[in-house]
Amino acid sequence: MGKKYYSGKVKTEQQMLYKTFKMKNGNEVLTQIGTNVTAWIAAIAFIAVVCILMMFPVMWLWNWLMPMIFGLCRINIWQALGLNLLSSIFFKSNK
């Protein structure tokens, strides 16, 4: 682990991962920095994967069936995402 200079003090990388908070009763609490960032990145990645998994079947089914049956044009991946969002708004059940 290398040392980094931060505001005049030498801190190791492991020390930079933790932040000390002082409580009202005088106790100090160490919290790890970056766990919230990791959770947000994981949540965004999960949402992106779910969107992709929902877009492709809609696009493939639309492009396979709709032009032949109704003479409609083919759609791209972003239009499939919009169709998914629009159908979720229209057909959402309020239970």
C-alpha atoms as a PDB file:
ATOM      1  CA  MET A   1       0.000   0.000   0.000  1.00  0.00           C
ATOM      2  CA  GLY A   2       1.368   3.318  -1.034  1.00  0.00           C
ATOM      3  CA  LYS A   3       1.212   6.499   0.953  1.00  0.00           C
ATOM      4  CA  LYS A   4      -0.624   9.557  -0.273  1.00  0.00           C
ATOM      5  CA  TYR A   5      -0.243  13.123   0.864  1.00  0.00           C
ATOM      6  CA  TYR A   6      -3.550  14.650   1.812  1.00  0.00           C
ATOM      7  CA  SER A   7      -3.826  18.124   3.352  1.00  0.00           C
ATOM      8  CA  GLY A   8      -0.323  18.035   4.804  1.00  0.00           C
ATOM      9  CA  LYS A   9      -0.716  14.619   6.483  1.00  0.00           C
ATOM     10  CA  VAL A  10       0.548  11.295   5.236  1.00  0.00           C
ATOM     11  CA  LYS A  11      -2.230   8.700   5.023  1.00  0.00           C
ATOM     12  CA  THR A  12      -2.132   5.171   3.741  1.00  0.00           C
ATOM     13  CA  GLU A  13      -4.750   4.018   1.244  1.00  0.00           C
ATOM     14  CA  GLN A  14      -6.435   1.892   3.914  1.00  0.00           C
ATOM     15  CA  GLN A  15      -6.725   4.882   6.228  1.00  0.00           C
ATOM     16  CA  MET A  16      -8.258   6.907   3.417  1.00  0.00           C
ATOM     17  CA  LEU A  17     -11.091   4.360   3.075  1.00  0.00           C
ATOM     18  CA  TYR A  18     -12.413   5.170   6.548  1.00  0.00           C
ATOM     19  CA  LYS A  19     -13.754   8.387   7.973  1.00  0.00           C
ATOM     20  CA  THR A  20     -14.008   9.180  11.683  1.00  0.00           C
ATOM     21  CA  PHE A  21     -17.165  10.786  13.043  1.00  0.00           C
ATOM     22  CA  LYS A  22     -17.396  12.230  16.528  1.00  0.00           C
ATOM     23  CA  MET A  23     -20.636  11.495  18.346  1.00  0.00           C
ATOM     24  CA  LYS A  24     -22.327  13.849  20.847  1.00  0.00           C
ATOM     25  CA  ASN A  25     -21.184  11.698  23.765  1.00  0.00           C
ATOM     26  CA  GLY A  26     -17.546  12.019  22.661  1.00  0.00           C
ATOM     27  CA  ASN A  27     -17.159   8.549  21.171  1.00  0.00           C
ATOM     28  CA  GLU A  28     -15.604   8.240  17.760  1.00  0.00           C
ATOM     29  CA  VAL A  29     -17.179   6.041  15.110  1.00  0.00           C
ATOM     30  CA  LEU A  30     -15.344   4.765  12.047  1.00  0.00           C
ATOM     31  CA  THR A  31     -17.392   4.394   8.901  1.00  0.00           C
ATOM     32  CA  GLN A  32     -16.204   2.969   5.640  1.00  0.00           C
ATOM     33  CA  ILE A  33     -16.284   5.397   2.746  1.00  0.00           C
ATOM     34  CA  GLY A  34     -17.447   4.021  -0.549  1.00  0.00           C
ATOM     35  CA  THR A  35     -20.059   1.477   0.523  1.00  0.00           C
ATOM     36  CA  ASN A  36     -22.892   3.778  -0.547  1.00  0.00           C
ATOM     37  CA  VAL A  37     -21.174   4.467  -3.842  1.00  0.00           C
ATOM     38  CA  THR A  38     -20.782   0.741  -4.452  1.00  0.00           C
ATOM     39  CA  ALA A  39     -24.445   0.155  -3.664  1.00  0.00           C
ATOM     40  CA  TRP A  40     -25.526   2.899  -6.082  1.00  0.00           C
ATOM     41  CA  ILE A  41     -23.316   1.530  -8.848  1.00  0.00           C
ATOM     42  CA  ALA A  42     -24.705  -1.970  -8.272  1.00  0.00           C
ATOM     43  CA  ALA A  43     -28.291  -0.649  -8.340  1.00  0.00           C
ATOM     44  CA  ILE A  44     -27.714   1.256 -11.590  1.00  0.00           C
ATOM     45  CA  ALA A  45     -26.057  -1.788 -13.166  1.00  0.00           C
ATOM     46  CA  PHE A  46     -28.973  -3.988 -12.082  1.00  0.00           C
ATOM     47  CA  ILE A  47     -31.515  -1.574 -13.570  1.00  0.00           C
ATOM     48  CA  ALA A  48     -29.535  -1.423 -16.822  1.00  0.00           C
ATOM     49  CA  VAL A  49     -29.410  -5.220 -17.090  1.00  0.00           C
ATOM     50  CA  VAL A  50     -33.154  -5.512 -16.413  1.00  0.00           C
ATOM     51  CA  CYS A  51     -33.901  -2.874 -19.066  1.00  0.00           C
ATOM     52  CA  ILE A  52     -31.739  -4.669 -21.603  1.00  0.00           C
ATOM     53  CA  LEU A  53     -33.364  -8.009 -20.801  1.00  0.00           C
ATOM     54  CA  MET A  54     -36.781  -6.411 -21.328  1.00  0.00           C
ATOM     55  CA  MET A  55     -35.886  -4.471 -24.503  1.00  0.00           C
ATOM     56  CA  PHE A  56     -34.567  -7.266 -26.685  1.00  0.00           C
ATOM     57  CA  PRO A  57     -37.575  -9.631 -26.570  1.00  0.00           C
ATOM     58  CA  VAL A  58     -39.960  -6.735 -27.289  1.00  0.00           C
ATOM     59  CA  MET A  59     -37.837  -5.585 -30.213  1.00  0.00           C
ATOM     60  CA  TRP A  60     -37.448  -9.091 -31.652  1.00  0.00           C
ATOM     61  CA  LEU A  61     -41.137  -9.929 -31.329  1.00  0.00           C
ATOM     62  CA  TRP A  62     -42.238  -6.593 -32.775  1.00  0.00           C
ATOM     63  CA  ASN A  63     -39.843  -6.831 -35.715  1.00  0.00           C
ATOM     64  CA  TRP A  64     -40.863 -10.433 -36.361  1.00  0.00           C
ATOM     65  CA  LEU A  65     -44.662 -10.067 -36.134  1.00  0.00           C
ATOM     66  CA  MET A  66     -45.840  -6.500 -36.649  1.00  0.00           C
ATOM     67  CA  PRO A  67     -44.381  -5.794 -40.125  1.00  0.00           C
ATOM     68  CA  MET A  68     -45.858  -9.031 -41.508  1.00  0.00           C
ATOM     69  CA  ILE A  69     -49.276  -8.842 -39.832  1.00  0.00           C
ATOM     70  CA  PHE A  70     -50.075  -5.108 -39.827  1.00  0.00           C
ATOM     71  CA  GLY A  71     -47.490  -3.674 -42.220  1.00  0.00           C
ATOM     72  CA  LEU A  72     -45.882  -1.543 -39.492  1.00  0.00           C
ATOM     73  CA  CYS A  73     -42.252  -0.467 -39.607  1.00  0.00           C
ATOM     74  CA  ARG A  74     -39.462  -2.112 -37.644  1.00  0.00           C
ATOM     75  CA  ILE A  75     -38.312  -0.604 -34.336  1.00  0.00           C
ATOM     76  CA  ASN A  76     -34.859  -0.161 -32.832  1.00  0.00           C
ATOM     77  CA  ILE A  77     -33.705  -0.939 -29.289  1.00  0.00           C
ATOM     78  CA  TRP A  78     -34.559   2.527 -27.874  1.00  0.00           C
ATOM     79  CA  GLN A  79     -38.057   2.408 -29.295  1.00  0.00           C
ATOM     80  CA  ALA A  80     -38.471  -1.004 -27.653  1.00  0.00           C
ATOM     81  CA  LEU A  81     -37.464   0.549 -24.319  1.00  0.00           C
ATOM     82  CA  GLY A  82     -39.998   3.331 -24.850  1.00  0.00           C
ATOM     83  CA  LEU A  83     -42.668   0.762 -25.708  1.00  0.00           C
ATOM     84  CA  ASN A  84     -41.867  -1.118 -22.493  1.00  0.00           C
ATOM     85  CA  LEU A  85     -42.120   2.038 -20.404  1.00  0.00           C
ATOM     86  CA  LEU A  86     -45.320   3.138 -22.109  1.00  0.00           C
ATOM     87  CA  SER A  87     -46.969  -0.255 -21.644  1.00  0.00           C
ATOM     88  CA  SER A  88     -45.925  -0.351 -17.981  1.00  0.00           C
ATOM     89  CA  ILE A  89     -47.589   3.045 -17.471  1.00  0.00           C
ATOM     90  CA  PHE A  90     -50.794   2.028 -19.283  1.00  0.00           C
ATOM     91  CA  PHE A  91     -51.192  -1.460 -17.823  1.00  0.00           C
ATOM     92  CA  LYS A  92     -49.949  -0.885 -14.259  1.00  0.00           C
ATOM     93  CA  SER A  93     -52.374  -2.274 -11.705  1.00  0.00           C
ATOM     94  CA  ASN A  94     -53.201  -0.178  -8.661  1.00  0.00           C
ATOM     95  CA  LYS A  95     -53.832  -2.761  -5.957  1.00  0.00           C
END
